[in-house]
C-alpha atoms as a PDB file:
ATOM      1  CA  MET A   1       0.000   0.000   0.000  1.00  0.00           C
ATOM      2  CA  MET A   2       1.132   3.517  -0.712  1.00  0.00           C
ATOM      3  CA  ALA A   3       1.075   5.646   2.394  1.00  0.00           C
ATOM      4  CA  GLY A   4      -0.757   8.918   1.583  1.00  0.00           C
ATOM      5  CA  SER A   5      -3.038   7.691  -1.182  1.00  0.00           C
ATOM      6  CA  SER A   6      -4.416   4.568   0.491  1.00  0.00           C
ATOM      7  CA  LYS A   7      -6.710   6.384   2.925  1.00  0.00           C
ATOM      8  CA  THR A   8     -10.365   5.775   2.288  1.00  0.00           C
ATOM      9  CA  LEU A   9     -12.379   8.930   1.712  1.00  0.00           C
ATOM     10  CA  MET A  10     -16.088   9.581   1.685  1.00  0.00           C
ATOM     11  CA  GLN A  11     -18.228  11.639  -0.648  1.00  0.00           C
ATOM     12  CA  VAL A  12     -20.068  14.456   1.157  1.00  0.00           C
ATOM     13  CA  ASN A  13     -23.044  16.416  -0.114  1.00  0.00           C
ATOM     14  CA  ILE A  14     -24.493  19.195   2.074  1.00  0.00           C
ATOM     15  CA  VAL A  15     -27.746  20.669   0.799  1.00  0.00           C
ATOM     16  CA  ALA A  16     -30.107  23.313   2.143  1.00  0.00           C
ATOM     17  CA  ALA A  17     -33.762  23.540   1.163  1.00  0.00           C
ATOM     18  CA  ASP A  18     -33.074  26.171  -1.500  1.00  0.00           C
ATOM     19  CA  HIS A  19     -29.444  25.615  -2.576  1.00  0.00           C
ATOM     20  CA  PRO A  20     -26.431  23.280  -2.459  1.00  0.00           C
ATOM     21  CA  VAL A  21     -24.047  24.254   0.352  1.00  0.00           C
ATOM     22  CA  TRP A  22     -20.929  22.117  -0.314  1.00  0.00           C
ATOM     23  CA  HIS A  23     -19.888  18.838  -1.890  1.00  0.00           C
ATOM     24  CA  GLY A  24     -16.625  16.970  -2.225  1.00  0.00           C
ATOM     25  CA  GLU A  25     -14.430  14.328  -0.657  1.00  0.00           C
ATOM     26  CA  ALA A  26     -13.660  14.255   3.051  1.00  0.00           C
ATOM     27  CA  ARG A  27     -11.557  12.383   5.573  1.00  0.00           C
ATOM     28  CA  SER A  28     -14.005  13.090   8.398  1.00  0.00           C
ATOM     29  CA  VAL A  29     -17.173  15.005   9.237  1.00  0.00           C
ATOM     30  CA  THR A  30     -18.391  16.134  12.664  1.00  0.00           C
ATOM     31  CA  ILE A  31     -22.130  16.767  12.868  1.00  0.00           C
ATOM     32  CA  PRO A  32     -24.348  18.378  15.525  1.00  0.00           C
ATOM     33  CA  ALA A  33     -26.451  15.253  16.194  1.00  0.00           C
ATOM     34  CA  SER A  34     -29.571  15.578  18.313  1.00  0.00           C
ATOM     35  CA  GLU A  35     -27.810  13.871  21.239  1.00  0.00           C
ATOM     36  CA  GLY A  36     -24.414  15.584  20.905  1.00  0.00           C
ATOM     37  CA  GLU A  37     -21.576  15.861  18.400  1.00  0.00           C
ATOM     38  CA  MET A  38     -21.007  12.814  16.234  1.00  0.00           C
ATOM     39  CA  GLY A  39     -17.892  12.092  14.194  1.00  0.00           C
ATOM     40  CA  ILE A  40     -18.119  10.132  10.963  1.00  0.00           C
ATOM     41  CA  LEU A  41     -15.135   8.572   9.192  1.00  0.00           C
ATOM     42  CA  ALA A  42     -14.997   6.610   5.959  1.00  0.00           C
ATOM     43  CA  ASP A  43     -16.248   3.019   6.319  1.00  0.00           C
ATOM     44  CA  HIS A  44     -18.542   4.024   9.212  1.00  0.00           C
ATOM     45  CA  GLU A  45     -21.540   1.755   9.643  1.00  0.00           C
ATOM     46  CA  PRO A  46     -24.679   2.989   7.842  1.00  0.00           C
ATOM     47  CA  VAL A  47     -26.531   5.635   9.835  1.00  0.00           C
ATOM     48  CA  LEU A  48     -29.590   7.845   9.500  1.00  0.00           C
ATOM     49  CA  THR A  49     -29.998  10.453  12.225  1.00  0.00           C
ATOM     50  CA  VAL A  50     -31.544  13.803  13.036  1.00  0.00           C
ATOM     51  CA  ILE A  51     -29.258  16.796  13.473  1.00  0.00           C
ATOM     52  CA  LYS A  52     -29.898  20.036  15.320  1.00  0.00           C
ATOM     53  CA  GLY A  53     -28.756  23.542  14.546  1.00  0.00           C
ATOM     54  CA  GLY A  54     -25.061  24.121  15.088  1.00  0.00           C
ATOM     55  CA  SER A  55     -21.662  23.763  13.466  1.00  0.00           C
ATOM     56  CA  LEU A  56     -20.844  20.990  11.030  1.00  0.00           C
ATOM     57  CA  THR A  57     -17.148  20.455  10.288  1.00  0.00           C
ATOM     58  CA  VAL A  58     -15.706  18.725   7.225  1.00  0.00           C
ATOM     59  CA  VAL A  59     -12.009  17.807   7.016  1.00  0.00           C
ATOM     60  CA  ASP A  60     -11.047  17.457   3.354  1.00  0.00           C
ATOM     61  CA  PRO A  61      -8.275  15.188   1.973  1.00  0.00           C
ATOM     62  CA  ALA A  62      -5.687  17.978   2.330  1.00  0.00           C
ATOM     63  CA  GLY A  63      -6.534  18.446   6.024  1.00  0.00           C
ATOM     64  CA  GLU A  64      -8.380  21.707   5.426  1.00  0.00           C
ATOM     65  CA  ARG A  65     -11.328  22.283   7.757  1.00  0.00           C
ATOM     66  CA  HIS A  66     -14.607  23.596   6.355  1.00  0.00           C
ATOM     67  CA  VAL A  67     -17.067  24.782   9.009  1.00  0.00           C
ATOM     68  CA  PHE A  68     -20.743  25.321   8.228  1.00  0.00           C
ATOM     69  CA  GLU A  69     -23.544  26.725  10.356  1.00  0.00           C
ATOM     70  CA  VAL A  70     -26.590  24.526   9.795  1.00  0.00           C
ATOM     71  CA  THR A  71     -30.171  24.366  11.013  1.00  0.00           C
ATOM     72  CA  ASP A  72     -32.200  21.303  11.896  1.00  0.00           C
ATOM     73  CA  GLY A  73     -32.198  18.464   9.393  1.00  0.00           C
ATOM     74  CA  PHE A  74     -30.889  14.942   8.983  1.00  0.00           C
ATOM     75  CA  ILE A  75     -27.897  12.984   7.728  1.00  0.00           C
ATOM     76  CA  SER A  76     -27.712   9.724   5.864  1.00  0.00           C
ATOM     77  CA  PHE A  77     -24.473   7.748   5.573  1.00  0.00           C
ATOM     78  CA  ASP A  78     -24.021   4.527   3.606  1.00  0.00           C
ATOM     79  CA  SER A  79     -21.280   3.088   1.371  1.00  0.00           C
ATOM     80  CA  ASN A  80     -18.964   6.074   2.049  1.00  0.00           C
ATOM     81  CA  LYS A  81     -21.576   8.595   0.876  1.00  0.00           C
ATOM     82  CA  LEU A  82     -22.770  11.181   3.386  1.00  0.00           C
ATOM     83  CA  THR A  83     -25.789  13.333   2.621  1.00  0.00           C
ATOM     84  CA  VAL A  84     -26.625  16.225   4.935  1.00  0.00           C
ATOM     85  CA  ALA A  85     -30.046  17.818   4.345  1.00  0.00           C
ATOM     86  CA  VAL A  86     -30.843  20.966   6.321  1.00  0.00           C
ATOM     87  CA  GLU A  87     -33.339  23.802   6.137  1.00  0.00           C
ATOM     88  CA  ARG A  88     -30.540  26.385   5.954  1.00  0.00           C
ATOM     89  CA  GLY A  89     -26.766  26.168   5.846  1.00  0.00           C
ATOM     90  CA  ARG A  90     -23.850  28.488   5.155  1.00  0.00           C
ATOM     91  CA  ASP A  91     -20.085  28.287   4.888  1.00  0.00           C
ATOM     92  CA  VAL A  92     -18.616  29.986   7.945  1.00  0.00           C
ATOM     93  CA  VAL A  93     -14.861  29.484   7.877  1.00  0.00           C
ATOM     94  CA  ARG A  94     -12.197  27.454   6.109  1.00  0.00           C
ATOM     95  CA  THR A  95      -8.870  26.786   7.821  1.00  0.00           C
ATOM     96  CA  SER A  96      -5.941  24.474   7.325  1.00  0.00           C
ATOM     97  CA  GLY A  97      -5.382  21.915  10.067  1.00  0.00           C
ATOM     98  CA  THR A  98      -2.419  23.839  11.520  1.00  0.00           C
ATOM     99  CA  ASP A  99      -4.135  27.248  11.501  1.00  0.00           C
ATOM    100  CA  ALA A 100      -7.393  26.136  13.127  1.00  0.00           C
ATOM    101  CA  ALA A 101      -6.342  27.154  16.656  1.00  0.00           C
ATOM    102  CA  ALA A 102      -4.682  30.423  15.631  1.00  0.00           C
ATOM    103  CA  GLU A 103      -7.777  32.576  16.084  1.00  0.00           C
END
């Protein structure tokens, strides 16, 4: 196996009621689940859950963090495809992994 390219990624699609918010590949996603934050990695077991308003964080293959403010909705994850459907969502901040704590 080749070290950097062998990591399994997931496809992420974040959509609001009236527009697409973000889509792409990710190493991990942290969602504001109804019972607390939930982290999802590639090859996670299938899940369908309700999310509440809050911050959703996507870490892309380069380690860049994308943070979105979302409202209530749900997520569906199966076969390394994550769909996040919310009433409203917006891109808040994008930081590299090393700069995330600088603010």
